[in-house]
Amino acid sequence: MTIDRAVMLFAGFVLLTGVALTYFVHPLWILLPTFVGVNMIQASITGFCPAAIVFRKLGIKPGVAFFP
């Protein structure tokens, strides 16, 4: 697995978790998937993603989408 795939997997997991928390716990949990969506847009424009930095430090092999 590359950093690119790990970031997409993590974003999808957090997004779906946020939607479930919004539905089952409290409507303000909608802020979590909103933050994930905004971060994905920002990362697609700038190439900077904090999750990619964490995954790189964990030793996951690099991909092509995010700057080192």
N, C-alpha and C. Protein backbone atom coordinates (compact mmCIF):
# COMPACT_ATOMS: atom_id res chain seq x y z
N MET A 1 0.85 -1.17 0.00
CA MET A 1 0.00 0.00 0.00
C MET A 1 0.90 1.24 0.00
N THR A 2 0.51 2.22 -0.80
CA THR A 2 1.26 3.47 -0.87
C THR A 2 0.60 4.52 0.02
N ILE A 3 1.30 5.62 0.23
CA ILE A 3 0.75 6.72 1.02
C ILE A 3 -0.54 7.24 0.39
N ASP A 4 -0.57 7.30 -0.93
CA ASP A 4 -1.77 7.80 -1.62
C ASP A 4 -3.00 6.97 -1.25
N ARG A 5 -2.85 5.66 -1.31
CA ARG A 5 -3.98 4.78 -0.99
C ARG A 5 -4.32 4.83 0.49
N ALA A 6 -3.30 4.94 1.34
CA ALA A 6 -3.54 5.01 2.78
C ALA A 6 -4.31 6.28 3.13
N VAL A 7 -3.96 7.39 2.50
CA VAL A 7 -4.66 8.65 2.76
C VAL A 7 -6.12 8.54 2.31
N MET A 8 -6.35 7.98 1.15
CA MET A 8 -7.73 7.84 0.66
C MET A 8 -8.54 6.89 1.56
N LEU A 9 -7.92 5.81 2.01
CA LEU A 9 -8.60 4.87 2.92
C LEU A 9 -8.94 5.56 4.23
N PHE A 10 -7.99 6.28 4.79
CA PHE A 10 -8.20 6.99 6.05
C PHE A 10 -9.30 8.05 5.90
N ALA A 11 -9.26 8.83 4.82
CA ALA A 11 -10.26 9.87 4.60
C ALA A 11 -11.65 9.25 4.47
N GLY A 12 -11.76 8.17 3.74
CA GLY A 12 -13.05 7.50 3.58
C GLY A 12 -13.58 6.96 4.90
N PHE A 13 -12.68 6.38 5.70
CA PHE A 13 -13.09 5.86 7.00
C PHE A 13 -13.57 6.97 7.92
N VAL A 14 -12.82 8.07 8.00
CA VAL A 14 -13.21 9.19 8.86
C VAL A 14 -14.50 9.83 8.36
N LEU A 15 -14.65 9.94 7.05
CA LEU A 15 -15.86 10.52 6.48
C LEU A 15 -17.09 9.69 6.83
N LEU A 16 -17.02 8.38 6.63
CA LEU A 16 -18.16 7.52 6.94
C LEU A 16 -18.44 7.47 8.44
N THR A 17 -17.40 7.52 9.25
CA THR A 17 -17.58 7.56 10.70
C THR A 17 -18.30 8.84 11.10
N GLY A 18 -17.91 9.96 10.50
CA GLY A 18 -18.57 11.23 10.79
C GLY A 18 -20.03 11.24 10.40
N VAL A 19 -20.34 10.64 9.26
CA VAL A 19 -21.74 10.56 8.82
C VAL A 19 -22.54 9.69 9.79
N ALA A 20 -21.98 8.57 10.22
CA ALA A 20 -22.67 7.71 11.17
C ALA A 20 -22.88 8.41 12.51
N LEU A 21 -21.87 9.12 12.99
CA LEU A 21 -22.01 9.85 14.24
C LEU A 21 -23.05 10.96 14.12
N THR A 22 -23.11 11.59 12.95
CA THR A 22 -24.12 12.62 12.73
C THR A 22 -25.52 12.02 12.81
N TYR A 23 -25.70 10.88 12.22
CA TYR A 23 -27.02 10.25 12.17
C TYR A 23 -27.43 9.69 13.54
N PHE A 24 -26.49 8.99 14.20
CA PHE A 24 -26.85 8.26 15.41
C PHE A 24 -26.60 9.03 16.71
N VAL A 25 -25.71 10.02 16.73
CA VAL A 25 -25.34 10.66 17.99
C VAL A 25 -25.85 12.10 18.08
N HIS A 26 -25.32 12.97 17.19
CA HIS A 26 -25.69 14.38 17.28
C HIS A 26 -25.41 15.07 15.95
N PRO A 27 -26.28 15.97 15.52
CA PRO A 27 -26.11 16.63 14.22
C PRO A 27 -24.82 17.44 14.07
N LEU A 28 -24.23 17.92 15.16
CA LEU A 28 -23.01 18.70 15.03
C LEU A 28 -21.80 17.86 14.58
N TRP A 29 -21.92 16.55 14.61
CA TRP A 29 -20.83 15.69 14.10
C TRP A 29 -20.64 15.89 12.60
N ILE A 30 -21.56 16.58 11.93
CA ILE A 30 -21.42 16.86 10.50
C ILE A 30 -20.15 17.67 10.23
N LEU A 31 -19.62 18.33 11.25
CA LEU A 31 -18.38 19.09 11.09
C LEU A 31 -17.20 18.18 10.76
N LEU A 32 -17.21 16.95 11.23
CA LEU A 32 -16.10 16.02 10.94
C LEU A 32 -16.01 15.68 9.46
N PRO A 33 -17.07 15.19 8.81
CA PRO A 33 -16.94 14.94 7.37
C PRO A 33 -16.76 16.22 6.56
N THR A 34 -17.27 17.34 7.06
CA THR A 34 -17.03 18.62 6.38
C THR A 34 -15.55 18.95 6.38
N PHE A 35 -14.90 18.79 7.53
CA PHE A 35 -13.46 19.03 7.63
C PHE A 35 -12.68 18.11 6.70
N VAL A 36 -13.08 16.85 6.63
CA VAL A 36 -12.40 15.90 5.75
C VAL A 36 -12.54 16.34 4.30
N GLY A 37 -13.72 16.74 3.90
CA GLY A 37 -13.94 17.19 2.52
C GLY A 37 -13.13 18.43 2.18
N VAL A 38 -13.09 19.39 3.09
CA VAL A 38 -12.30 20.61 2.86
C VAL A 38 -10.82 20.27 2.78
N ASN A 39 -10.35 19.37 3.65
CA ASN A 39 -8.95 18.96 3.62
C ASN A 39 -8.61 18.24 2.32
N MET A 40 -9.52 17.44 1.80
CA MET A 40 -9.27 16.74 0.54
C MET A 40 -9.16 17.74 -0.62
N ILE A 41 -10.01 18.76 -0.62
CA ILE A 41 -9.93 19.79 -1.66
C ILE A 41 -8.61 20.54 -1.55
N GLN A 42 -8.24 20.94 -0.34
CA GLN A 42 -6.99 21.65 -0.11
C GLN A 42 -5.79 20.81 -0.54
N ALA A 43 -5.80 19.51 -0.21
CA ALA A 43 -4.69 18.63 -0.57
C ALA A 43 -4.60 18.43 -2.08
N SER A 44 -5.73 18.41 -2.75
CA SER A 44 -5.70 18.24 -4.21
C SER A 44 -5.13 19.45 -4.91
N ILE A 45 -5.31 20.62 -4.30
CA ILE A 45 -4.80 21.86 -4.90
C ILE A 45 -3.32 22.08 -4.58
N THR A 46 -2.96 21.86 -3.30
CA THR A 46 -1.61 22.19 -2.86
C THR A 46 -0.64 21.02 -2.84
N GLY A 47 -1.16 19.80 -2.75
CA GLY A 47 -0.29 18.64 -2.62
C GLY A 47 0.18 18.40 -1.20
N PHE A 48 -0.26 19.24 -0.24
CA PHE A 48 0.12 19.10 1.16
C PHE A 48 -1.01 18.42 1.93
N CYS A 49 -0.66 17.34 2.63
CA CYS A 49 -1.65 16.62 3.41
C CYS A 49 -1.00 16.16 4.72
N PRO A 50 -1.52 16.62 5.86
CA PRO A 50 -0.94 16.20 7.14
C PRO A 50 -0.97 14.69 7.35
N ALA A 51 -2.01 14.03 6.89
CA ALA A 51 -2.09 12.58 7.04
C ALA A 51 -0.97 11.88 6.25
N ALA A 52 -0.62 12.42 5.09
CA ALA A 52 0.46 11.84 4.29
C ALA A 52 1.79 11.93 5.04
N ILE A 53 1.99 13.03 5.76
CA ILE A 53 3.22 13.18 6.55
C ILE A 53 3.27 12.12 7.65
N VAL A 54 2.15 11.90 8.32
CA VAL A 54 2.10 10.89 9.38
C VAL A 54 2.33 9.50 8.81
N PHE A 55 1.70 9.18 7.70
CA PHE A 55 1.88 7.86 7.09
C PHE A 55 3.31 7.64 6.63
N ARG A 56 3.95 8.69 6.12
CA ARG A 56 5.35 8.58 5.70
C ARG A 56 6.24 8.26 6.91
N LYS A 57 5.97 8.93 8.04
CA LYS A 57 6.75 8.67 9.25
C LYS A 57 6.49 7.28 9.81
N LEU A 58 5.34 6.71 9.50
CA LEU A 58 5.04 5.35 9.92
C LEU A 58 5.70 4.31 9.02
N GLY A 59 6.32 4.75 7.93
CA GLY A 59 7.07 3.84 7.08
C GLY A 59 6.33 3.32 5.87
N ILE A 60 5.20 3.87 5.54
CA ILE A 60 4.47 3.43 4.35
C ILE A 60 5.19 3.99 3.13
N LYS A 61 5.33 3.15 2.11
CA LYS A 61 6.09 3.59 0.94
C LYS A 61 5.40 4.74 0.21
N PRO A 62 6.19 5.64 -0.34
CA PRO A 62 5.63 6.84 -0.96
C PRO A 62 4.85 6.53 -2.24
N GLY A 63 3.94 7.41 -2.55
CA GLY A 63 3.19 7.35 -3.80
C GLY A 63 3.60 8.52 -4.66
N VAL A 64 2.71 8.95 -5.53
CA VAL A 64 3.05 10.04 -6.43
C VAL A 64 2.23 11.31 -6.19
N ALA A 65 1.20 11.24 -5.36
CA ALA A 65 0.28 12.38 -5.24
C ALA A 65 0.75 13.46 -4.28
N PHE A 66 1.47 13.10 -3.23
CA PHE A 66 1.78 14.06 -2.19
C PHE A 66 3.27 14.35 -2.16
N PHE A 67 3.59 15.63 -1.87
CA PHE A 67 4.99 16.04 -1.80
C PHE A 67 5.65 15.44 -0.56
N PRO A 68 6.92 15.13 -0.65
CA PRO A 68 7.63 14.56 0.52
C PRO A 68 7.86 15.54 1.63
